[in-house]
Amino acid sequence: MKKLVLLTLALIIISCQTKTEPEVVEKPAKSEYIKKVYNAFAEGDVETVMASFTEDIQWNEAENFIYADGNPYVGGAAVGEGVFGRLGAEWEYWNLENMKFFNVDTNMVLVTGRYKALNKASGKELDAQFAHLWTLKDSLASSFQQYTDTKQAAEAIIVDAE
């Protein structure tokens, strides 16, 4: 009986040592999906940007920001018209620089950087920090929250009296 117990223990130990680890297939980090959105935006590829959103994306500009009047923008069409369309119409350029991407949670990404922009009407430049918090659902952006210097943006659009 003692030999049987020892043999059983030896087999258990051997079988534990020869187990193989399950193969892990890594998905791209959520930040990689968001980087593609920013790259498409920089290239003017609106189709790719819009295809990166869920149909009912909830988009919020920072409170008191110059485009917060439509908060929350719901859906890609609302974002395109209420935010992107206005940026293109009112600014000579609107660049995002020094961006850093952080995976915050299993479905959230934080992006920090600087806005560099020139307003067409006033001729004033904007140079402001920003933080964007994205939530993803099935690799698509389902919500966006902007944080930035709203005072600087408001001042940049004021046309000075001559």
Protein backbone atom coordinates (compact mmCIF):
# COMPACT_ATOMS: atom_id res chain seq x y z
CA MET A 1 0.00 0.00 0.00
CA LYS A 2 2.86 2.34 0.88
CA LYS A 3 4.41 1.77 -2.57
CA LEU A 4 1.08 2.54 -4.25
CA VAL A 5 0.77 5.85 -2.39
CA LEU A 6 4.36 6.80 -3.27
CA LEU A 7 3.82 5.85 -6.91
CA THR A 8 0.62 7.93 -7.05
CA LEU A 9 2.40 10.95 -5.50
CA ALA A 10 5.29 10.58 -7.96
CA LEU A 11 2.86 10.53 -10.91
CA ILE A 12 1.06 13.63 -9.61
CA ILE A 13 4.34 15.50 -9.21
CA ILE A 14 5.53 14.49 -12.67
CA SER A 15 2.21 15.44 -14.29
CA CYS A 16 2.29 18.86 -12.59
CA GLN A 17 5.78 19.54 -13.87
CA THR A 18 4.95 18.72 -17.49
CA LYS A 19 1.87 20.91 -17.80
CA THR A 20 2.13 23.49 -20.53
CA GLU A 21 0.90 27.01 -20.08
CA PRO A 22 -2.09 27.95 -22.20
CA GLU A 23 -1.23 30.06 -25.22
CA VAL A 24 -2.01 33.72 -24.59
CA VAL A 25 -3.05 35.78 -27.58
CA GLU A 26 -2.57 39.42 -26.72
CA LYS A 27 -4.93 42.01 -28.05
CA PRO A 28 -3.54 45.41 -28.92
CA ALA A 29 -3.61 47.86 -26.03
CA LYS A 30 -6.68 50.10 -26.07
CA SER A 31 -4.38 53.08 -26.57
CA GLU A 32 -3.40 51.66 -29.97
CA TYR A 33 -7.00 52.03 -31.17
CA ILE A 34 -7.10 55.64 -30.02
CA LYS A 35 -3.71 56.42 -31.60
CA LYS A 36 -5.23 55.36 -34.93
CA VAL A 37 -8.04 57.89 -34.41
CA TYR A 38 -5.56 60.73 -33.80
CA ASN A 39 -3.42 59.70 -36.77
CA ALA A 40 -6.49 59.63 -39.03
CA PHE A 41 -7.57 63.05 -37.70
CA ALA A 42 -4.10 64.50 -38.42
CA GLU A 43 -4.26 63.14 -41.98
CA GLY A 44 -7.75 64.55 -42.53
CA ASP A 45 -9.18 61.04 -42.86
CA VAL A 46 -12.66 61.80 -41.53
CA GLU A 47 -14.04 58.45 -42.71
CA THR A 48 -11.61 56.50 -40.52
CA VAL A 49 -12.21 58.82 -37.56
CA MET A 50 -15.99 58.38 -37.80
CA ALA A 51 -15.67 54.62 -38.29
CA SER A 52 -13.79 54.53 -34.96
CA PHE A 53 -16.90 55.69 -33.04
CA THR A 54 -19.89 53.70 -31.87
CA GLU A 55 -23.15 54.87 -33.47
CA ASP A 56 -24.19 56.50 -30.20
CA ILE A 57 -20.87 57.96 -29.04
CA GLN A 58 -21.32 60.43 -26.19
CA TRP A 59 -18.96 63.37 -26.87
CA ASN A 60 -18.42 66.11 -24.29
CA GLU A 61 -16.32 69.20 -24.78
CA ALA A 62 -14.93 70.74 -21.58
CA GLU A 63 -17.44 72.77 -19.59
CA ASN A 64 -17.40 76.40 -20.81
CA PHE A 65 -15.33 75.46 -23.87
CA ILE A 66 -16.27 77.34 -27.03
CA TYR A 67 -17.93 74.24 -28.53
CA ALA A 68 -19.58 72.93 -25.34
CA ASP A 69 -22.93 74.42 -26.41
CA GLY A 70 -23.91 71.07 -27.95
CA ASN A 71 -22.89 68.84 -25.02
CA PRO A 72 -23.35 66.01 -25.13
CA TYR A 73 -22.94 65.48 -28.85
CA VAL A 74 -24.53 62.09 -29.53
CA GLY A 75 -23.42 60.14 -32.59
CA GLY A 76 -20.73 60.73 -35.20
CA ALA A 77 -22.84 63.13 -37.28
CA ALA A 78 -23.34 65.43 -34.28
CA VAL A 79 -19.60 65.36 -33.49
CA GLY A 80 -18.72 65.97 -37.13
CA GLU A 81 -21.01 68.97 -37.45
CA GLY A 82 -20.80 70.44 -33.95
CA VAL A 83 -17.07 70.00 -33.32
CA PHE A 84 -14.96 68.99 -36.33
CA GLY A 85 -16.88 71.15 -38.83
CA ARG A 86 -16.53 74.22 -36.63
CA LEU A 87 -12.83 73.59 -36.04
CA GLY A 88 -12.24 73.46 -39.79
CA ALA A 89 -14.33 76.55 -40.49
CA GLU A 90 -13.03 78.77 -37.68
CA TRP A 91 -9.35 77.88 -37.38
CA GLU A 92 -6.46 78.10 -39.87
CA TYR A 93 -5.07 75.00 -38.21
CA TRP A 94 -5.81 72.97 -35.10
CA ASN A 95 -2.89 70.73 -34.23
CA LEU A 96 -2.43 68.31 -31.35
CA GLU A 97 1.18 68.02 -30.19
CA ASN A 98 3.27 66.24 -27.56
CA MET A 99 0.63 63.55 -27.16
CA LYS A 100 1.02 60.77 -24.62
CA PHE A 101 -1.33 57.80 -24.41
CA PHE A 102 -2.16 55.98 -21.17
CA ASN A 103 -4.23 52.83 -20.71
CA VAL A 104 -6.29 53.78 -17.66
CA ASP A 105 -8.62 50.85 -17.26
CA THR A 106 -9.67 47.84 -19.27
CA ASN A 107 -11.78 50.09 -21.48
CA MET A 108 -10.41 53.62 -20.95
CA VAL A 109 -7.57 55.62 -22.47
CA LEU A 110 -6.22 58.99 -21.35
CA VAL A 111 -4.46 61.20 -23.89
CA THR A 112 -2.53 64.30 -22.83
CA GLY A 113 -0.88 66.92 -24.99
CA ARG A 114 -1.11 70.47 -26.30
CA TYR A 115 -3.43 72.23 -28.70
CA LYS A 116 -1.66 74.56 -31.15
CA ALA A 117 -4.14 76.53 -33.21
CA LEU A 118 -4.65 79.80 -35.08
CA ASN A 119 -8.08 81.41 -35.16
CA LYS A 120 -9.08 82.77 -38.59
CA ALA A 121 -11.19 85.71 -37.39
CA SER A 122 -8.96 87.04 -34.61
CA GLY A 123 -5.55 85.96 -35.86
CA LYS A 124 -4.78 84.82 -32.31
CA GLU A 125 -2.95 81.65 -31.43
CA LEU A 126 -4.01 79.03 -28.95
CA ASP A 127 -1.36 77.05 -27.06
CA ALA A 128 -3.16 75.06 -24.39
CA GLN A 129 -2.74 71.79 -22.53
CA PHE A 130 -5.42 69.18 -23.00
CA ALA A 131 -6.50 65.86 -21.58
CA HIS A 132 -8.92 63.59 -23.41
CA LEU A 133 -10.55 60.66 -21.65
CA TRP A 134 -11.89 57.99 -23.99
CA THR A 135 -14.06 54.99 -23.20
CA LEU A 136 -14.07 52.09 -25.63
CA LYS A 137 -16.62 49.40 -26.33
CA ASP A 138 -15.65 46.53 -28.62
CA SER A 139 -12.61 48.49 -29.88
CA LEU A 140 -14.73 51.53 -30.80
CA ALA A 141 -14.88 54.85 -28.98
CA SER A 142 -18.17 55.07 -27.07
CA SER A 143 -17.45 58.27 -25.11
CA PHE A 144 -15.08 61.22 -25.09
CA GLN A 145 -14.45 63.87 -22.44
CA GLN A 146 -12.23 66.88 -23.09
CA TYR A 147 -10.38 68.88 -20.42
CA THR A 148 -8.53 72.05 -21.42
CA ASP A 149 -7.94 75.74 -20.71
CA THR A 150 -11.36 77.09 -21.67
CA LYS A 151 -10.45 80.71 -20.84
CA GLN A 152 -7.56 80.71 -23.29
CA ALA A 153 -9.79 79.29 -26.04
CA ALA A 154 -12.49 81.90 -25.36
CA GLU A 155 -9.92 84.70 -25.53
CA ALA A 156 -8.43 83.36 -28.77
CA ILE A 157 -11.68 83.84 -30.67
CA ILE A 158 -12.22 87.46 -29.60
CA VAL A 159 -11.55 89.89 -32.42
CA ASP A 160 -9.88 92.97 -30.95
CA ALA A 161 -11.34 96.37 -31.79
CA GLU A 162 -9.02 98.52 -33.83
